[in-house]
Every structure is written in C-alpha cells, then in structure tokens.
Amino acid sequence: MDSREVIQALERYLKDKNEDDRKTAARIGVPSHTLRSWISGAEQPQRQVVVRIAGVLKCAGYI
C-alpha cells in the first residue's frame, strides 16, 4: 500500500466512523490540522507517519 492508498483509507474511515478529526489525529499522534491537510491533498505524511496511520486503520479493520 502506498501513502495515497493509506490516506484514501483514512478518509473512508473518517466518513464511515463519523469520528471527530481531533480524536483520529490524536490516535495517530498529529495535530488535527495536519490530518485535514493530508485529506485535502495539500500535504503528504512522512513515511513513518504513514506506518502509524496504517497501524490505526489495521486495528479498525480498514486495511
């Protein structure tokens, strides 16, 4: 899975779970504005952060 696919899965997770951005960002360990920047495509997460995101999504059954 590349970073784009992980971010797409993160976006699906946020929509499906209707979870607050701040709560999800805290799970990943980043500020909520950073999470929103990834979702909007304005920024890309660093590789080690993609691994953390994937871990959160895997635990939730999204990847």
Protein backbone atom coordinates (compact mmCIF):
# COMPACT_ATOMS: atom_id res chain seq x y z
CA MET A 1 0.00 0.00 0.00
CA ASP A 2 1.38 3.40 -0.88
CA SER A 3 0.78 6.61 1.07
CA ARG A 4 -2.02 7.72 -1.27
CA GLU A 5 -3.93 4.49 -0.62
CA VAL A 6 -3.43 4.82 3.13
CA ILE A 7 -4.79 8.39 3.06
CA GLN A 8 -7.78 7.23 0.99
CA ALA A 9 -8.45 4.52 3.58
CA LEU A 10 -8.12 7.15 6.33
CA GLU A 11 -10.66 9.33 4.55
CA ARG A 12 -13.11 6.38 4.31
CA TYR A 13 -12.54 5.63 7.98
CA LEU A 14 -13.34 9.21 8.98
CA LYS A 15 -16.53 9.23 6.89
CA ASP A 16 -17.72 5.78 7.96
CA LYS A 17 -16.99 6.19 11.66
CA ASN A 18 -18.14 9.80 11.77
CA GLU A 19 -15.29 10.33 14.20
CA ASP A 20 -14.03 13.76 15.13
CA ASP A 21 -10.81 14.75 13.30
CA ARG A 22 -9.17 15.64 16.59
CA LYS A 23 -9.76 12.18 18.04
CA THR A 24 -8.38 10.43 14.97
CA ALA A 25 -5.42 12.81 14.80
CA ALA A 26 -4.66 12.10 18.46
CA ARG A 27 -4.69 8.34 17.75
CA ILE A 28 -2.13 8.91 15.01
CA GLY A 29 -0.14 11.42 17.07
CA VAL A 30 -0.51 14.53 14.92
CA PRO A 31 -2.42 17.82 15.16
CA SER A 32 -5.88 17.81 13.59
CA HIS A 33 -4.89 20.49 11.06
CA THR A 34 -2.19 18.14 9.77
CA LEU A 35 -4.72 15.36 9.30
CA ARG A 36 -7.00 17.72 7.38
CA SER A 37 -4.07 18.77 5.17
CA TRP A 38 -3.48 15.13 4.22
CA ILE A 39 -7.15 14.54 3.45
CA SER A 40 -7.33 17.67 1.30
CA GLY A 41 -4.16 16.69 -0.56
CA ALA A 42 -2.32 19.85 0.48
CA GLU A 43 0.39 17.80 2.23
CA GLN A 44 1.65 14.23 2.29
CA PRO A 45 2.58 12.45 5.50
CA GLN A 46 6.14 11.30 6.08
CA ARG A 47 6.82 7.60 5.62
CA GLN A 48 6.99 6.80 9.34
CA VAL A 49 3.65 8.54 9.87
CA VAL A 50 2.08 6.52 7.04
CA VAL A 51 3.11 3.42 9.00
CA ARG A 52 1.37 4.78 12.13
CA ILE A 53 -1.76 5.63 10.14
CA ALA A 54 -1.78 2.14 8.64
CA GLY A 55 -1.50 0.65 12.13
CA VAL A 56 -4.52 2.61 13.36
CA LEU A 57 -6.52 1.64 10.27
CA LYS A 58 -5.49 -2.00 10.53
CA CYS A 59 -6.71 -2.14 14.14
CA ALA A 60 -10.02 -0.66 12.97
CA GLY A 61 -10.30 -3.17 10.12
CA TYR A 62 -9.88 -0.64 7.30
CA ILE A 63 -6.78 -2.20 5.75
